[in-house]
PDB file of N, CA and C in Angstrom:
ATOM      1  N   MET A   1       0.813  -1.189   0.000  1.00  0.00           N
ATOM      2  CA  MET A   1       0.000   0.000   0.000  1.00  0.00           C
ATOM      3  C   MET A   1       0.866   1.266   0.000  1.00  0.00           C
ATOM      4  N   ILE A   2       1.908   1.279   0.803  1.00  0.00           N
ATOM      5  CA  ILE A   2       2.784   2.445   0.847  1.00  0.00           C
ATOM      6  C   ILE A   2       3.493   2.620  -0.489  1.00  0.00           C
ATOM      7  N   GLY A   3       3.852   1.533  -1.131  1.00  0.00           N
ATOM      8  CA  GLY A   3       4.499   1.615  -2.440  1.00  0.00           C
ATOM      9  C   GLY A   3       3.638   2.320  -3.465  1.00  0.00           C
ATOM     10  N   VAL A   4       2.351   2.006  -3.473  1.00  0.00           N
ATOM     11  CA  VAL A   4       1.427   2.643  -4.412  1.00  0.00           C
ATOM     12  C   VAL A   4       1.299   4.128  -4.099  1.00  0.00           C
ATOM     13  N   ALA A   5       1.174   4.462  -2.838  1.00  0.00           N
ATOM     14  CA  ALA A   5       1.057   5.869  -2.445  1.00  0.00           C
ATOM     15  C   ALA A   5       2.319   6.640  -2.821  1.00  0.00           C
ATOM     16  N   LEU A   6       3.472   6.057  -2.590  1.00  0.00           N
ATOM     17  CA  LEU A   6       4.735   6.710  -2.938  1.00  0.00           C
ATOM     18  C   LEU A   6       4.841   6.884  -4.448  1.00  0.00           C
ATOM     19  N   TRP A   7       4.472   5.867  -5.196  1.00  0.00           N
ATOM     20  CA  TRP A   7       4.521   5.943  -6.654  1.00  0.00           C
ATOM     21  C   TRP A   7       3.614   7.062  -7.160  1.00  0.00           C
ATOM     22  N   ARG A   8       2.423   7.179  -6.592  1.00  0.00           N
ATOM     23  CA  ARG A   8       1.499   8.241  -6.995  1.00  0.00           C
ATOM     24  C   ARG A   8       2.072   9.620  -6.684  1.00  0.00           C
ATOM     25  N   PHE A   9       2.699   9.747  -5.525  1.00  0.00           N
ATOM     26  CA  PHE A   9       3.316  11.014  -5.137  1.00  0.00           C
ATOM     27  C   PHE A   9       4.426  11.386  -6.116  1.00  0.00           C
ATOM     28  N   ILE A  10       5.273  10.422  -6.438  1.00  0.00           N
ATOM     29  CA  ILE A  10       6.384  10.674  -7.366  1.00  0.00           C
ATOM     30  C   ILE A  10       5.842  11.033  -8.739  1.00  0.00           C
ATOM     31  N   SER A  11       4.831  10.298  -9.201  1.00  0.00           N
ATOM     32  CA  SER A  11       4.230  10.587 -10.505  1.00  0.00           C
ATOM     33  C   SER A  11       3.642  11.989 -10.550  1.00  0.00           C
ATOM     34  N   ALA A  12       2.960  12.371  -9.481  1.00  0.00           N
ATOM     35  CA  ALA A  12       2.379  13.717  -9.420  1.00  0.00           C
ATOM     36  C   ALA A  12       3.468  14.775  -9.447  1.00  0.00           C
ATOM     37  N   ASN A  13       4.563  14.540  -8.722  1.00  0.00           N
ATOM     38  CA  ASN A  13       5.662  15.493  -8.701  1.00  0.00           C
ATOM     39  C   ASN A  13       6.309  15.615 -10.078  1.00  0.00           C
ATOM     40  N   VAL A  14       6.490  14.488 -10.759  1.00  0.00           N
ATOM     41  CA  VAL A  14       7.077  14.507 -12.099  1.00  0.00           C
ATOM     42  C   VAL A  14       6.210  15.356 -13.027  1.00  0.00           C
ATOM     43  N   GLU A  15       4.919  15.134 -13.009  1.00  0.00           N
ATOM     44  CA  GLU A  15       4.015  15.881 -13.880  1.00  0.00           C
ATOM     45  C   GLU A  15       3.975  17.357 -13.525  1.00  0.00           C
ATOM     46  N   LEU A  16       3.973  17.670 -12.236  1.00  0.00           N
ATOM     47  CA  LEU A  16       3.974  19.066 -11.802  1.00  0.00           C
ATOM     48  C   LEU A  16       5.239  19.779 -12.278  1.00  0.00           C
ATOM     49  N   THR A  17       6.385  19.140 -12.102  1.00  0.00           N
ATOM     50  CA  THR A  17       7.647  19.737 -12.527  1.00  0.00           C
ATOM     51  C   THR A  17       7.675  19.951 -14.031  1.00  0.00           C
ATOM     52  N   ARG A  18       7.224  18.965 -14.789  1.00  0.00           N
ATOM     53  CA  ARG A  18       7.177  19.109 -16.252  1.00  0.00           C
ATOM     54  C   ARG A  18       6.201  20.211 -16.662  1.00  0.00           C
ATOM     55  N   GLN A  19       5.073  20.283 -15.979  1.00  0.00           N
ATOM     56  CA  GLN A  19       4.098  21.325 -16.285  1.00  0.00           C
ATOM     57  C   GLN A  19       4.699  22.705 -16.027  1.00  0.00           C
ATOM     58  N   TYR A  20       5.360  22.868 -14.900  1.00  0.00           N
ATOM     59  CA  TYR A  20       5.961  24.160 -14.578  1.00  0.00           C
ATOM     60  C   TYR A  20       7.042  24.521 -15.589  1.00  0.00           C
ATOM     61  N   TRP A  21       7.822  23.534 -16.027  1.00  0.00           N
ATOM     62  CA  TRP A  21       8.845  23.796 -17.044  1.00  0.00           C
ATOM     63  C   TRP A  21       8.177  24.237 -18.345  1.00  0.00           C
ATOM     64  N   THR A  22       7.115  23.550 -18.737  1.00  0.00           N
ATOM     65  CA  THR A  22       6.412  23.881 -19.974  1.00  0.00           C
ATOM     66  C   THR A  22       5.838  25.289 -19.915  1.00  0.00           C
ATOM     67  N   VAL A  23       5.244  25.651 -18.795  1.00  0.00           N
ATOM     68  CA  VAL A  23       4.707  27.004 -18.641  1.00  0.00           C
ATOM     69  C   VAL A  23       5.846  28.021 -18.746  1.00  0.00           C
ATOM     70  N   GLY A  24       6.942  27.776 -18.054  1.00  0.00           N
ATOM     71  CA  GLY A  24       8.091  28.684 -18.113  1.00  0.00           C
ATOM     72  C   GLY A  24       8.662  28.795 -19.507  1.00  0.00           C
ATOM     73  N   GLN A  25       8.752  27.682 -20.207  1.00  0.00           N
ATOM     74  CA  GLN A  25       9.280  27.665 -21.574  1.00  0.00           C
ATOM     75  C   GLN A  25       8.364  28.450 -22.515  1.00  0.00           C
ATOM     76  N   ARG A  26       7.073  28.265 -22.370  1.00  0.00           N
ATOM     77  CA  ARG A  26       6.126  28.977 -23.235  1.00  0.00           C
ATOM     78  C   ARG A  26       6.159  30.482 -22.964  1.00  0.00           C
ATOM     79  N   ILE A  27       6.288  30.856 -21.697  1.00  0.00           N
ATOM     80  CA  ILE A  27       6.400  32.289 -21.374  1.00  0.00           C
ATOM     81  C   ILE A  27       7.651  32.851 -22.015  1.00  0.00           C
ATOM     82  N   GLN A  28       8.759  32.157 -21.857  1.00  0.00           N
ATOM     83  CA  GLN A  28      10.045  32.619 -22.372  1.00  0.00           C
ATOM     84  C   GLN A  28      10.061  32.697 -23.900  1.00  0.00           C
ATOM     85  N   VAL A  29       9.587  31.656 -24.561  1.00  0.00           N
ATOM     86  CA  VAL A  29       9.704  31.569 -26.012  1.00  0.00           C
ATOM     87  C   VAL A  29       8.546  32.258 -26.735  1.00  0.00           C
ATOM     88  N   GLU A  30       7.323  31.940 -26.345  1.00  0.00           N
ATOM     89  CA  GLU A  30       6.171  32.430 -27.095  1.00  0.00           C
ATOM     90  C   GLU A  30       5.724  33.831 -26.675  1.00  0.00           C
ATOM     91  N   LEU A  31       5.746  34.088 -25.389  1.00  0.00           N
ATOM     92  CA  LEU A  31       5.236  35.371 -24.903  1.00  0.00           C
ATOM     93  C   LEU A  31       6.304  36.456 -24.950  1.00  0.00           C
ATOM     94  N   LEU A  32       7.485  36.134 -24.455  1.00  0.00           N
ATOM     95  CA  LEU A  32       8.550  37.140 -24.364  1.00  0.00           C
ATOM     96  C   LEU A  32       9.557  37.050 -25.496  1.00  0.00           C
ATOM     97  N   LYS A  33       9.421  36.048 -26.339  1.00  0.00           N
ATOM     98  CA  LYS A  33      10.307  35.859 -27.498  1.00  0.00           C
ATOM     99  C   LYS A  33      11.784  35.819 -27.102  1.00  0.00           C
ATOM    100  N   GLY A  34      12.058  35.238 -25.929  1.00  0.00           N
ATOM    101  CA  GLY A  34      13.427  35.101 -25.476  1.00  0.00           C
ATOM    102  C   GLY A  34      14.029  36.355 -24.882  1.00  0.00           C
ATOM    103  N   GLU A  35      13.289  37.424 -24.845  1.00  0.00           N
ATOM    104  CA  GLU A  35      13.807  38.691 -24.317  1.00  0.00           C
ATOM    105  C   GLU A  35      13.893  38.654 -22.797  1.00  0.00           C
ATOM    106  N   ARG A  36      14.827  39.401 -22.270  1.00  0.00           N
ATOM    107  CA  ARG A  36      14.949  39.557 -20.819  1.00  0.00           C
ATOM    108  C   ARG A  36      14.689  41.011 -20.438  1.00  0.00           C
ATOM    109  N   ALA A  37      13.987  41.698 -21.291  1.00  0.00           N
ATOM    110  CA  ALA A  37      13.755  43.129 -21.097  1.00  0.00           C
ATOM    111  C   ALA A  37      12.884  43.401 -19.880  1.00  0.00           C
ATOM    112  N   ALA A  38      12.939  44.624 -19.432  1.00  0.00           N
ATOM    113  CA  ALA A  38      12.166  45.027 -18.253  1.00  0.00           C
ATOM    114  C   ALA A  38      10.665  44.887 -18.479  1.00  0.00           C
ATOM    115  N   TYR A  39      10.213  45.060 -19.721  1.00  0.00           N
ATOM    116  CA  TYR A  39       8.776  44.942 -19.956  1.00  0.00           C
ATOM    117  C   TYR A  39       8.288  43.530 -19.652  1.00  0.00           C
ATOM    118  N   GLY A  40       9.186  42.553 -19.701  1.00  0.00           N
ATOM    119  CA  GLY A  40       8.819  41.171 -19.419  1.00  0.00           C
ATOM    120  C   GLY A  40       8.250  41.002 -18.024  1.00  0.00           C
ATOM    121  N   ALA A  41       8.758  41.745 -17.070  1.00  0.00           N
ATOM    122  CA  ALA A  41       8.252  41.660 -15.698  1.00  0.00           C
ATOM    123  C   ALA A  41       6.794  42.086 -15.635  1.00  0.00           C
ATOM    124  N   GLY A  42       6.449  43.129 -16.359  1.00  0.00           N
ATOM    125  CA  GLY A  42       5.063  43.584 -16.387  1.00  0.00           C
ATOM    126  C   GLY A  42       4.147  42.589 -17.072  1.00  0.00           C
ATOM    127  N   VAL A  43       4.623  42.006 -18.151  1.00  0.00           N
ATOM    128  CA  VAL A  43       3.836  41.019 -18.887  1.00  0.00           C
ATOM    129  C   VAL A  43       3.587  39.794 -18.012  1.00  0.00           C
ATOM    130  N   VAL A  44       4.612  39.331 -17.346  1.00  0.00           N
ATOM    131  CA  VAL A  44       4.482  38.145 -16.500  1.00  0.00           C
ATOM    132  C   VAL A  44       3.597  38.449 -15.292  1.00  0.00           C
ATOM    133  N   SER A  45       3.706  39.631 -14.740  1.00  0.00           N
ATOM    134  CA  SER A  45       2.842  40.011 -13.613  1.00  0.00           C
ATOM    135  C   SER A  45       1.376  40.039 -14.021  1.00  0.00           C
ATOM    136  N   GLU A  46       1.104  40.608 -15.176  1.00  0.00           N
ATOM    137  CA  GLU A  46      -0.278  40.650 -15.668  1.00  0.00           C
ATOM    138  C   GLU A  46      -0.795  39.238 -15.943  1.00  0.00           C
ATOM    139  N   LEU A  47       0.019  38.412 -16.551  1.00  0.00           N
ATOM    140  CA  LEU A  47      -0.368  37.030 -16.812  1.00  0.00           C
ATOM    141  C   LEU A  47      -0.624  36.287 -15.504  1.00  0.00           C
ATOM    142  N   GLY A  48       0.227  36.506 -14.506  1.00  0.00           N
ATOM    143  CA  GLY A  48       0.052  35.873 -13.203  1.00  0.00           C
ATOM    144  C   GLY A  48      -1.265  36.258 -12.554  1.00  0.00           C
ATOM    145  N   THR A  49      -1.636  37.518 -12.669  1.00  0.00           N
ATOM    146  CA  THR A  49      -2.912  37.977 -12.108  1.00  0.00           C
ATOM    147  C   THR A  49      -4.076  37.269 -12.786  1.00  0.00           C
ATOM    148  N   ARG A  50      -4.020  37.181 -14.108  1.00  0.00           N
ATOM    149  CA  ARG A  50      -5.103  36.523 -14.852  1.00  0.00           C
ATOM    150  C   ARG A  50      -5.169  35.030 -14.551  1.00  0.00           C
ATOM    151  N   LEU A  51      -4.016  34.360 -14.567  1.00  0.00           N
ATOM    152  CA  LEU A  51      -4.015  32.916 -14.322  1.00  0.00           C
ATOM    153  C   LEU A  51      -4.418  32.583 -12.889  1.00  0.00           C
ATOM    154  N   ALA A  52      -3.959  33.373 -11.941  1.00  0.00           N
ATOM    155  CA  ALA A  52      -4.307  33.117 -10.537  1.00  0.00           C
ATOM    156  C   ALA A  52      -5.806  33.281 -10.315  1.00  0.00           C
ATOM    157  N   SER A  53      -6.413  34.250 -10.979  1.00  0.00           N
ATOM    158  CA  SER A  53      -7.858  34.412 -10.813  1.00  0.00           C
ATOM    159  C   SER A  53      -8.624  33.273 -11.481  1.00  0.00           C
ATOM    160  N   GLU A  54      -8.060  32.740 -12.563  1.00  0.00           N
ATOM    161  CA  GLU A  54      -8.744  31.653 -13.275  1.00  0.00           C
ATOM    162  C   GLU A  54      -8.475  30.286 -12.662  1.00  0.00           C
ATOM    163  N   PHE A  55      -7.222  30.040 -12.269  1.00  0.00           N
ATOM    164  CA  PHE A  55      -6.839  28.711 -11.796  1.00  0.00           C
ATOM    165  C   PHE A  55      -6.509  28.648 -10.316  1.00  0.00           C
ATOM    166  N   SER A  56      -6.564  29.769  -9.624  1.00  0.00           N
ATOM    167  CA  SER A  56      -6.272  29.808  -8.200  1.00  0.00           C
ATOM    168  C   SER A  56      -4.769  29.765  -7.954  1.00  0.00           C
ATOM    169  N   ARG A  57      -4.369  29.167  -6.837  1.00  0.00           N
ATOM    170  CA  ARG A  57      -2.962  29.172  -6.411  1.00  0.00           C
ATOM    171  C   ARG A  57      -2.051  28.474  -7.409  1.00  0.00           C
ATOM    172  N   GLY A  58      -0.789  28.863  -7.361  1.00  0.00           N
ATOM    173  CA  GLY A  58       0.233  28.201  -8.151  1.00  0.00           C
ATOM    174  C   GLY A  58       0.668  28.966  -9.379  1.00  0.00           C
ATOM    175  N   PHE A  59      -0.157  29.888  -9.850  1.00  0.00           N
ATOM    176  CA  PHE A  59       0.182  30.603 -11.071  1.00  0.00           C
ATOM    177  C   PHE A  59       0.320  32.104 -10.859  1.00  0.00           C
ATOM    178  N   GLU A  60       0.579  32.509  -9.619  1.00  0.00           N
ATOM    179  CA  GLU A  60       0.835  33.920  -9.346  1.00  0.00           C
ATOM    180  C   GLU A  60       2.126  34.328 -10.039  1.00  0.00           C
ATOM    181  N   SER A  61       2.316  35.630 -10.202  1.00  0.00           N
ATOM    182  CA  SER A  61       3.477  36.113 -10.957  1.00  0.00           C
ATOM    183  C   SER A  61       4.807  35.635 -10.376  1.00  0.00           C
ATOM    184  N   ASN A  62       4.916  35.551  -9.042  1.00  0.00           N
ATOM    185  CA  ASN A  62       6.175  35.061  -8.450  1.00  0.00           C
ATOM    186  C   ASN A  62       6.484  33.649  -8.927  1.00  0.00           C
ATOM    187  N   ASN A  63       5.460  32.801  -8.957  1.00  0.00           N
ATOM    188  CA  ASN A  63       5.676  31.430  -9.424  1.00  0.00           C
ATOM    189  C   ASN A  63       5.974  31.397 -10.918  1.00  0.00           C
ATOM    190  N   LEU A  64       5.307  32.244 -11.689  1.00  0.00           N
ATOM    191  CA  LEU A  64       5.586  32.294 -13.127  1.00  0.00           C
ATOM    192  C   LEU A  64       7.021  32.726 -13.389  1.00  0.00           C
ATOM    193  N   HIS A  65       7.526  33.655 -12.594  1.00  0.00           N
ATOM    194  CA  HIS A  65       8.936  34.065 -12.730  1.00  0.00           C
ATOM    195  C   HIS A  65       9.859  32.880 -12.429  1.00  0.00           C
ATOM    196  N   ARG A  66       9.520  32.083 -11.406  1.00  0.00           N
ATOM    197  CA  ARG A  66      10.335  30.904 -11.090  1.00  0.00           C
ATOM    198  C   ARG A  66      10.268  29.877 -12.220  1.00  0.00           C
ATOM    199  N   MET A  67       9.092  29.690 -12.789  1.00  0.00           N
ATOM    200  CA  MET A  67       8.935  28.742 -13.891  1.00  0.00           C
ATOM    201  C   MET A  67       9.768  29.180 -15.090  1.00  0.00           C
ATOM    202  N   ARG A  68       9.752  30.457 -15.373  1.00  0.00           N
ATOM    203  CA  ARG A  68      10.548  30.995 -16.479  1.00  0.00           C
ATOM    204  C   ARG A  68      12.046  30.843 -16.194  1.00  0.00           C
ATOM    205  N   GLN A  69      12.430  31.125 -14.972  1.00  0.00           N
ATOM    206  CA  GLN A  69      13.828  30.969 -14.568  1.00  0.00           C
ATOM    207  C   GLN A  69      14.242  29.500 -14.688  1.00  0.00           C
ATOM    208  N   PHE A  70      13.379  28.600 -14.290  1.00  0.00           N
ATOM    209  CA  PHE A  70      13.628  27.163 -14.396  1.00  0.00           C
ATOM    210  C   PHE A  70      13.825  26.758 -15.855  1.00  0.00           C
ATOM    211  N   ALA A  71      12.964  27.236 -16.740  1.00  0.00           N
ATOM    212  CA  ALA A  71      13.073  26.905 -18.158  1.00  0.00           C
ATOM    213  C   ALA A  71      14.356  27.472 -18.769  1.00  0.00           C
ATOM    214  N   ARG A  72      14.787  28.638 -18.310  1.00  0.00           N
ATOM    215  CA  ARG A  72      16.045  29.206 -18.816  1.00  0.00           C
ATOM    216  C   ARG A  72      17.240  28.428 -18.299  1.00  0.00           C
ATOM    217  N   ALA A  73      17.172  27.983 -17.044  1.00  0.00           N
ATOM    218  CA  ALA A  73      18.300  27.244 -16.455  1.00  0.00           C
ATOM    219  C   ALA A  73      18.433  25.850 -17.045  1.00  0.00           C
ATOM    220  N   PHE A  74      17.292  25.251 -17.419  1.00  0.00           N
ATOM    221  CA  PHE A  74      17.281  23.900 -17.979  1.00  0.00           C
ATOM    222  C   PHE A  74      16.522  23.941 -19.299  1.00  0.00           C
ATOM    223  N   PRO A  75      17.179  24.368 -20.374  1.00  0.00           N
ATOM    224  CA  PRO A  75      16.469  24.593 -21.632  1.00  0.00           C
ATOM    225  C   PRO A  75      16.048  23.326 -22.389  1.00  0.00           C
ATOM    226  N   GLU A  76      16.617  22.179 -22.059  1.00  0.00           N
ATOM    227  CA  GLU A  76      16.280  20.963 -22.796  1.00  0.00           C
ATOM    228  C   GLU A  76      15.255  20.126 -22.037  1.00  0.00           C
ATOM    229  N   ALA A  77      14.179  19.783 -22.723  1.00  0.00           N
ATOM    230  CA  ALA A  77      13.092  18.997 -22.118  1.00  0.00           C
ATOM    231  C   ALA A  77      13.582  17.635 -21.627  1.00  0.00           C
ATOM    232  N   GLU A  78      14.545  17.047 -22.325  1.00  0.00           N
ATOM    233  CA  GLU A  78      15.057  15.729 -21.942  1.00  0.00           C
ATOM    234  C   GLU A  78      15.726  15.765 -20.566  1.00  0.00           C
ATOM    235  N   ILE A  79      16.453  16.822 -20.296  1.00  0.00           N
ATOM    236  CA  ILE A  79      17.112  16.960 -18.994  1.00  0.00           C
ATOM    237  C   ILE A  79      16.060  17.114 -17.903  1.00  0.00           C
ATOM    238  N   VAL A  80      15.049  17.915 -18.180  1.00  0.00           N
ATOM    239  CA  VAL A  80      13.977  18.120 -17.203  1.00  0.00           C
ATOM    240  C   VAL A  80      13.249  16.805 -16.936  1.00  0.00           C
ATOM    241  N   ALA A  81      13.001  16.024 -17.990  1.00  0.00           N
ATOM    242  CA  ALA A  81      12.317  14.733 -17.821  1.00  0.00           C
ATOM    243  C   ALA A  81      13.120  13.820 -16.908  1.00  0.00           C
ATOM    244  N   THR A  82      14.423  13.788 -17.091  1.00  0.00           N
ATOM    245  CA  THR A  82      15.281  12.947 -16.256  1.00  0.00           C
ATOM    246  C   THR A  82      15.341  13.467 -14.829  1.00  0.00           C
ATOM    247  N   LEU A  83      15.575  14.763 -14.670  1.00  0.00           N
ATOM    248  CA  LEU A  83      15.692  15.342 -13.333  1.00  0.00           C
ATOM    249  C   LEU A  83      14.389  15.261 -12.550  1.00  0.00           C
ATOM    250  N   SER A  84      13.259  15.408 -13.243  1.00  0.00           N
ATOM    251  CA  SER A  84      11.978  15.424 -12.541  1.00  0.00           C
ATOM    252  C   SER A  84      11.648  14.068 -11.921  1.00  0.00           C
ATOM    253  N   ARG A  85      12.282  13.006 -12.399  1.00  0.00           N
ATOM    254  CA  ARG A  85      12.086  11.687 -11.789  1.00  0.00           C
ATOM    255  C   ARG A  85      12.915  11.536 -10.514  1.00  0.00           C
ATOM    256  N   GLN A  86      13.892  12.420 -10.352  1.00  0.00           N
ATOM    257  CA  GLN A  86      14.810  12.298  -9.222  1.00  0.00           C
ATOM    258  C   GLN A  86      14.680  13.429  -8.206  1.00  0.00           C
ATOM    259  N   LEU A  87      14.231  14.593  -8.659  1.00  0.00           N
ATOM    260  CA  LEU A  87      14.170  15.772  -7.792  1.00  0.00           C
ATOM    261  C   LEU A  87      12.771  16.373  -7.803  1.00  0.00           C
ATOM    262  N   SER A  88      12.359  16.884  -6.663  1.00  0.00           N
ATOM    263  CA  SER A  88      11.060  17.546  -6.576  1.00  0.00           C
ATOM    264  C   SER A  88      11.174  18.980  -7.095  1.00  0.00           C
ATOM    265  N   TRP A  89      10.026  19.624  -7.268  1.00  0.00           N
ATOM    266  CA  TRP A  89      10.004  21.027  -7.677  1.00  0.00           C
ATOM    267  C   TRP A  89      10.778  21.879  -6.679  1.00  0.00           C
ATOM    268  N   SER A  90      10.648  21.597  -5.402  1.00  0.00           N
ATOM    269  CA  SER A  90      11.392  22.345  -4.383  1.00  0.00           C
ATOM    270  C   SER A  90      12.893  22.194  -4.568  1.00  0.00           C
ATOM    271  N   HIS A  91      13.335  20.991  -4.916  1.00  0.00           N
ATOM    272  CA  HIS A  91      14.764  20.784  -5.181  1.00  0.00           C
ATOM    273  C   HIS A  91      15.201  21.584  -6.406  1.00  0.00           C
ATOM    274  N   MET A  92      14.358  21.579  -7.434  1.00  0.00           N
ATOM    275  CA  MET A  92      14.682  22.339  -8.646  1.00  0.00           C
ATOM    276  C   MET A  92      14.849  23.818  -8.317  1.00  0.00           C
ATOM    277  N   LEU A  93      13.950  24.345  -7.486  1.00  0.00           N
ATOM    278  CA  LEU A  93      14.054  25.747  -7.095  1.00  0.00           C
ATOM    279  C   LEU A  93      15.357  26.020  -6.358  1.00  0.00           C
ATOM    280  N   GLY A  94      15.823  25.036  -5.589  1.00  0.00           N
ATOM    281  CA  GLY A  94      17.088  25.179  -4.883  1.00  0.00           C
ATOM    282  C   GLY A  94      18.282  25.250  -5.809  1.00  0.00           C
ATOM    283  N   LEU A  95      18.156  24.693  -7.010  1.00  0.00           N
ATOM    284  CA  LEU A  95      19.250  24.730  -7.984  1.00  0.00           C
ATOM    285  C   LEU A  95      19.316  26.042  -8.762  1.00  0.00           C
ATOM    286  N   LEU A  96      18.210  26.757  -8.823  1.00  0.00           N
ATOM    287  CA  LEU A  96      18.149  27.955  -9.659  1.00  0.00           C
ATOM    288  C   LEU A  96      19.162  29.044  -9.308  1.00  0.00           C
ATOM    289  N   PRO A  97      19.475  29.276  -8.035  1.00  0.00           N
ATOM    290  CA  PRO A  97      20.467  30.325  -7.747  1.00  0.00           C
ATOM    291  C   PRO A  97      21.878  29.998  -8.248  1.00  0.00           C
ATOM    292  N   LEU A  98      22.150  28.735  -8.537  1.00  0.00           N
ATOM    293  CA  LEU A  98      23.466  28.368  -9.055  1.00  0.00           C
ATOM    294  C   LEU A  98      23.599  28.910 -10.466  1.00  0.00           C
ATOM    295  N   LYS A  99      24.654  29.658 -10.711  1.00  0.00           N
ATOM    296  CA  LYS A  99      24.760  30.410 -11.962  1.00  0.00           C
ATOM    297  C   LYS A  99      25.236  29.588 -13.155  1.00  0.00           C
ATOM    298  N   SER A 100      26.013  28.550 -12.934  1.00  0.00           N
ATOM    299  CA  SER A 100      26.568  27.808 -14.069  1.00  0.00           C
ATOM    300  C   SER A 100      25.909  26.438 -14.201  1.00  0.00           C
ATOM    301  N   ALA A 101      25.838  25.983 -15.444  1.00  0.00           N
ATOM    302  CA  ALA A 101      25.259  24.655 -15.706  1.00  0.00           C
ATOM    303  C   ALA A 101      26.047  23.551 -14.991  1.00  0.00           C
ATOM    304  N   PRO A 102      27.392  23.595 -14.990  1.00  0.00           N
ATOM    305  CA  PRO A 102      28.115  22.536 -14.265  1.00  0.00           C
ATOM    306  C   PRO A 102      27.784  22.498 -12.766  1.00  0.00           C
ATOM    307  N   ALA A 103      27.576  23.650 -12.171  1.00  0.00           N
ATOM    308  CA  ALA A 103      27.231  23.681 -10.741  1.00  0.00           C
ATOM    309  C   ALA A 103      25.864  23.062 -10.514  1.00  0.00           C
ATOM    310  N   ARG A 104      24.929  23.286 -11.425  1.00  0.00           N
ATOM    311  CA  ARG A 104      23.585  22.700 -11.290  1.00  0.00           C
ATOM    312  C   ARG A 104      23.588  21.201 -11.530  1.00  0.00           C
ATOM    313  N   GLN A 105      24.564  20.695 -12.234  1.00  0.00           N
ATOM    314  CA  GLN A 105      24.624  19.271 -12.556  1.00  0.00           C
ATOM    315  C   GLN A 105      25.205  18.424 -11.440  1.00  0.00           C
ATOM    316  N   CYS A 106      25.856  19.050 -10.477  1.00  0.00           N
ATOM    317  CA  CYS A 106      26.485  18.294  -9.383  1.00  0.00           C
ATOM    318  C   CYS A 106      25.469  17.709  -8.437  1.00  0.00           C
TER     319      CYS A 106
END
């Protein structure tokens, strides 16, 4: 019984992490066109307000900024797929302050 519960928890975490990466990637590529300009903060804040009102918690602008930062730090979906099976979203957030890819890979 515990095995099934643990498996469900891990599966949910994997999907949540992939979803957050996808949202961050879409914001970065489709909405902001890869720009890091100051206007991006306003766009993401407005999007966060709209998404939070529609979907409730989890999509506020602060979280959207983290999702975008996550997608920039880990640009390849394959790496995210592998890491999401081993690390939770909280662990991923802990890696974001590390500035270099080699430091994040340790």
